[in-house]
Amino acid sequence: MNIMLSAGIVVSTVFIYVVMAMIYKKFRLPVLMPALTGTAIIVIVLINLNIPYSTYMKGGQWINQLLGPAVVALAYPLYKQRHQLLKNWLPIVGGSLAGVFAGMLSGMLLALALGFSKPFILSIVPKSVTTPVAIQIVNHLGADSSLTSVFVMIAGFTGAVCGVYLLRLFRIHHVIGSGIALGSSSHALGTAKALEIGEQASSMSSIAMTISAIVASFIAPVVVWIVFH
């Protein structure tokens, strides 16, 4: 029974994603990204059918286990663009560092201005870093990692949906700059969006995402100390 339930959940999830991807391909509106619309539909279905999250994850965990191989697969476009990476290492590293600092400070300062408590503020620190790394950072800071997961999702979807418009607003048209911006601010979802711009942008985004995760692990405690002292 559990196997059939898990298989049914996987098939339903994939079906919803494929349908939303077809709609997105036709209209090409950022707000119709299949990762966003598919997630919203699944949440609505679970709520209306009173299906617990734990029940859904009996099948959802099968899909979740594909995240690791998907991230590793980003190494292929990185390899193809290795000459560009070596040639442009300074703007890539500099842009990623700027993105990490901006992501952390903007979230913390906004939360402080709104009067949120310290545990809440700590949970928002690594919002622009990929989820597995963000959770480890927050656990080290002693905050609630469940809140962090929500903030990471919000940052990812916001960047994927609004990122292209912001790039146009500030007249950033270079594929390297676009990729770095999306990867350092919106992690995997930003990288998926960068893939629509082109392979080079996707490569830059994936390496910016990686650099951001590594740097954030080291500087998060320092940034927190600076803000609260």
Protein backbone atom coordinates (compact mmCIF):
# COMPACT_ATOMS: atom_id res chain seq x y z
CA MET A 1 0.00 0.00 0.00
CA ASN A 2 2.80 2.43 0.92
CA ILE A 3 4.57 1.72 -2.36
CA MET A 4 1.40 2.38 -4.36
CA LEU A 5 0.75 5.57 -2.38
CA SER A 6 4.31 6.79 -2.93
CA ALA A 7 4.17 5.96 -6.64
CA GLY A 8 0.84 7.78 -6.96
CA ILE A 9 2.26 10.88 -5.28
CA VAL A 10 5.32 10.87 -7.53
CA VAL A 11 3.24 10.46 -10.69
CA SER A 12 0.81 13.20 -9.60
CA THR A 13 3.64 15.59 -8.77
CA VAL A 14 5.41 14.99 -12.08
CA PHE A 15 2.12 15.34 -13.98
CA ILE A 16 1.37 18.69 -12.33
CA TYR A 17 4.88 19.92 -13.08
CA VAL A 18 4.73 18.83 -16.73
CA VAL A 19 1.36 20.55 -17.25
CA MET A 20 2.61 23.76 -15.62
CA ALA A 21 5.81 23.58 -17.70
CA MET A 22 3.73 23.38 -20.89
CA ILE A 23 1.71 26.41 -19.82
CA TYR A 24 4.90 28.30 -18.96
CA LYS A 25 6.47 27.40 -22.30
CA LYS A 26 3.45 28.81 -24.11
CA PHE A 27 3.10 32.11 -22.23
CA ARG A 28 6.66 32.65 -20.91
CA LEU A 29 5.53 34.73 -17.94
CA PRO A 30 7.96 34.50 -14.97
CA VAL A 31 5.06 34.22 -12.53
CA LEU A 32 4.03 31.00 -14.31
CA MET A 33 7.29 29.20 -13.57
CA PRO A 34 6.40 25.52 -13.10
CA ALA A 35 8.35 25.28 -9.84
CA LEU A 36 6.19 28.09 -8.42
CA THR A 37 2.79 27.22 -9.88
CA GLY A 38 3.31 23.49 -9.34
CA THR A 39 4.20 24.05 -5.69
CA ALA A 40 1.13 26.25 -5.18
CA ILE A 41 -1.19 23.65 -6.73
CA ILE A 42 0.24 20.83 -4.62
CA VAL A 43 -0.15 22.90 -1.44
CA ILE A 44 -3.77 23.73 -2.33
CA VAL A 45 -4.54 20.06 -3.05
CA LEU A 46 -2.96 18.88 0.22
CA ILE A 47 -4.89 21.47 2.24
CA ASN A 48 -8.24 20.79 0.61
CA LEU A 49 -7.89 17.00 0.85
CA ASN A 50 -6.50 17.19 4.40
CA ILE A 51 -3.41 15.21 3.40
CA PRO A 52 -0.60 15.58 5.98
CA TYR A 53 2.82 16.64 4.79
CA SER A 54 4.30 13.43 6.19
CA THR A 55 1.95 11.42 3.97
CA TYR A 56 2.90 13.39 0.88
CA MET A 57 6.61 12.98 1.62
CA LYS A 58 6.28 9.19 1.47
CA GLY A 59 6.45 9.73 -2.27
CA GLY A 60 7.88 13.24 -2.27
CA GLN A 61 11.12 12.01 -0.74
CA TRP A 62 11.77 9.99 -3.90
CA ILE A 63 11.74 13.22 -5.90
CA ASN A 64 13.67 15.04 -3.18
CA GLN A 65 16.51 12.53 -3.48
CA LEU A 66 17.03 13.66 -7.08
CA LEU A 67 18.13 17.11 -5.86
CA GLY A 68 21.67 15.94 -5.17
CA PRO A 69 22.27 14.44 -8.64
CA ALA A 70 20.65 17.50 -10.22
CA VAL A 71 23.08 19.82 -8.44
CA VAL A 72 26.04 17.61 -9.36
CA ALA A 73 24.88 17.64 -13.00
CA LEU A 74 25.55 21.39 -13.04
CA ALA A 75 29.22 20.45 -13.25
CA TYR A 76 28.77 19.66 -16.95
CA PRO A 77 27.89 23.20 -18.13
CA LEU A 78 30.59 24.45 -15.75
CA TYR A 79 33.13 22.24 -17.49
CA LYS A 80 32.01 23.44 -20.92
CA GLN A 81 32.42 27.05 -19.82
CA ARG A 82 35.69 26.50 -17.91
CA HIS A 83 37.66 28.88 -20.14
CA GLN A 84 35.15 31.66 -19.53
CA LEU A 85 35.28 30.95 -15.81
CA LEU A 86 39.07 31.24 -15.70
CA LYS A 87 38.97 34.35 -17.85
CA ASN A 88 36.34 36.08 -15.71
CA TRP A 89 37.22 34.76 -12.25
CA LEU A 90 37.53 38.23 -10.70
CA PRO A 91 34.00 39.50 -11.54
CA ILE A 92 32.56 36.09 -10.65
CA VAL A 93 34.17 35.98 -7.22
CA GLY A 94 33.59 39.68 -6.59
CA GLY A 95 29.97 39.51 -7.67
CA SER A 96 29.32 36.43 -5.56
CA LEU A 97 30.86 38.04 -2.47
CA ALA A 98 28.80 41.19 -3.01
CA GLY A 99 25.68 39.07 -3.42
CA VAL A 100 26.33 37.18 -0.16
CA PHE A 101 26.84 40.34 1.88
CA ALA A 102 23.86 42.10 0.29
CA GLY A 103 21.60 39.10 0.83
CA MET A 104 22.49 38.71 4.49
CA LEU A 105 22.53 42.38 5.47
CA SER A 106 19.35 43.32 3.60
CA GLY A 107 17.32 40.60 5.31
CA MET A 108 18.72 41.27 8.77
CA LEU A 109 18.40 45.05 8.60
CA LEU A 110 14.83 44.86 7.29
CA ALA A 111 13.87 42.43 10.06
CA LEU A 112 15.51 44.70 12.63
CA ALA A 113 13.69 47.74 11.28
CA LEU A 114 10.38 45.88 11.57
CA GLY A 115 11.12 44.96 15.18
CA PHE A 116 11.38 41.19 14.84
CA SER A 117 12.99 39.09 17.56
CA LYS A 118 16.60 37.89 17.40
CA PRO A 119 15.74 34.20 16.66
CA PHE A 120 13.60 35.33 13.73
CA ILE A 121 16.38 37.57 12.43
CA LEU A 122 18.95 34.79 12.69
CA SER A 123 16.67 32.50 10.70
CA ILE A 124 16.63 34.93 7.80
CA VAL A 125 20.43 35.36 7.58
CA PRO A 126 21.18 32.68 4.92
CA LYS A 127 17.98 33.20 2.88
CA SER A 128 19.90 33.54 -0.39
CA VAL A 129 21.90 30.33 0.06
CA THR A 130 20.84 26.89 -1.15
CA THR A 131 18.67 25.06 1.41
CA PRO A 132 21.03 22.32 2.71
CA VAL A 133 23.77 24.86 3.45
CA ALA A 134 21.33 27.44 4.84
CA ILE A 135 19.96 24.93 7.35
CA GLN A 136 23.46 24.05 8.57
CA ILE A 137 24.31 27.74 8.98
CA VAL A 138 21.18 28.43 11.00
CA ASN A 139 21.67 25.38 13.19
CA HIS A 140 25.15 26.69 14.00
CA LEU A 141 23.66 30.09 14.86
CA GLY A 142 21.10 28.42 17.14
CA ALA A 143 17.97 29.55 15.28
CA ASP A 144 14.92 27.77 13.82
CA SER A 145 15.83 25.98 10.58
CA SER A 146 12.18 25.44 9.62
CA LEU A 147 11.76 29.20 9.25
CA THR A 148 14.94 29.34 7.22
CA SER A 149 13.55 26.84 4.71
CA VAL A 150 10.60 29.16 4.13
CA PHE A 151 12.83 32.20 3.69
CA VAL A 152 15.07 30.33 1.25
CA MET A 153 12.04 29.38 -0.83
CA ILE A 154 10.75 32.96 -0.80
CA ALA A 155 14.16 34.30 -1.88
CA GLY A 156 14.40 31.71 -4.63
CA PHE A 157 10.94 32.29 -6.06
CA THR A 158 11.24 36.08 -5.75
CA GLY A 159 14.53 36.12 -7.62
CA ALA A 160 13.33 33.71 -10.28
CA VAL A 161 10.13 35.69 -10.90
CA CYS A 162 11.35 39.26 -10.45
CA GLY A 163 15.05 38.87 -11.25
CA VAL A 164 14.73 39.33 -15.01
CA TYR A 165 12.67 42.49 -14.56
CA LEU A 166 15.21 43.93 -12.11
CA LEU A 167 18.06 43.16 -14.49
CA ARG A 168 16.21 45.03 -17.23
CA LEU A 169 15.40 47.91 -14.88
CA PHE A 170 19.08 48.40 -14.03
CA ARG A 171 20.09 47.74 -17.66
CA ILE A 172 22.17 44.67 -16.90
CA HIS A 173 22.29 42.75 -20.16
CA HIS A 174 25.62 40.92 -19.94
CA VAL A 175 25.13 37.17 -19.53
CA ILE A 176 27.92 36.90 -16.94
CA GLY A 177 26.46 39.65 -14.76
CA SER A 178 22.95 38.24 -15.11
CA GLY A 179 24.09 34.74 -14.16
CA ILE A 180 26.05 35.91 -11.12
CA ALA A 181 23.13 38.02 -9.91
CA LEU A 182 20.61 35.18 -10.20
CA GLY A 183 22.88 32.55 -8.67
CA SER A 184 24.08 34.59 -5.71
CA SER A 185 20.61 35.86 -4.80
CA SER A 186 18.26 33.00 -5.67
CA HIS A 187 20.42 29.83 -5.55
CA ALA A 188 19.03 26.83 -7.50
CA LEU A 189 15.83 28.53 -8.69
CA GLY A 190 17.84 31.48 -9.92
CA THR A 191 20.16 29.09 -11.74
CA ALA A 192 17.18 27.41 -13.39
CA LYS A 193 16.02 30.84 -14.54
CA ALA A 194 19.51 31.68 -15.79
CA LEU A 195 19.40 28.56 -17.97
CA GLU A 196 16.66 30.28 -19.98
CA ILE A 197 19.08 33.12 -20.72
CA GLY A 198 21.71 30.72 -21.98
CA GLU A 199 24.25 28.06 -21.05
CA GLN A 200 26.90 30.62 -20.15
CA ALA A 201 24.56 32.47 -17.81
CA SER A 202 23.57 29.17 -16.22
CA SER A 203 27.22 28.23 -15.69
CA MET A 204 27.97 31.58 -14.08
CA SER A 205 24.88 31.26 -11.91
CA SER A 206 25.76 27.77 -10.69
CA ILE A 207 29.31 28.74 -9.74
CA ALA A 208 28.04 31.93 -8.06
CA MET A 209 25.59 29.77 -6.10
CA THR A 210 28.43 27.48 -5.02
CA ILE A 211 30.76 30.31 -4.04
CA SER A 212 27.94 32.02 -2.14
CA ALA A 213 27.23 28.87 -0.15
CA ILE A 214 30.89 28.41 0.79
CA VAL A 215 31.46 32.06 1.70
CA ALA A 216 28.19 32.32 3.64
CA SER A 217 29.23 29.40 5.84
CA PHE A 218 32.28 31.35 7.00
CA ILE A 219 30.99 34.92 7.22
CA ALA A 220 27.48 34.37 8.66
CA PRO A 221 28.68 34.38 12.30
CA VAL A 222 30.80 37.47 11.59
CA VAL A 223 27.90 39.37 10.01
CA VAL A 224 25.62 38.42 12.91
CA TRP A 225 28.23 39.62 15.41
CA ILE A 226 28.61 42.94 13.58
CA VAL A 227 24.85 43.57 13.46
CA PHE A 228 24.18 42.70 17.10
CA HIS A 229 27.23 44.40 18.57
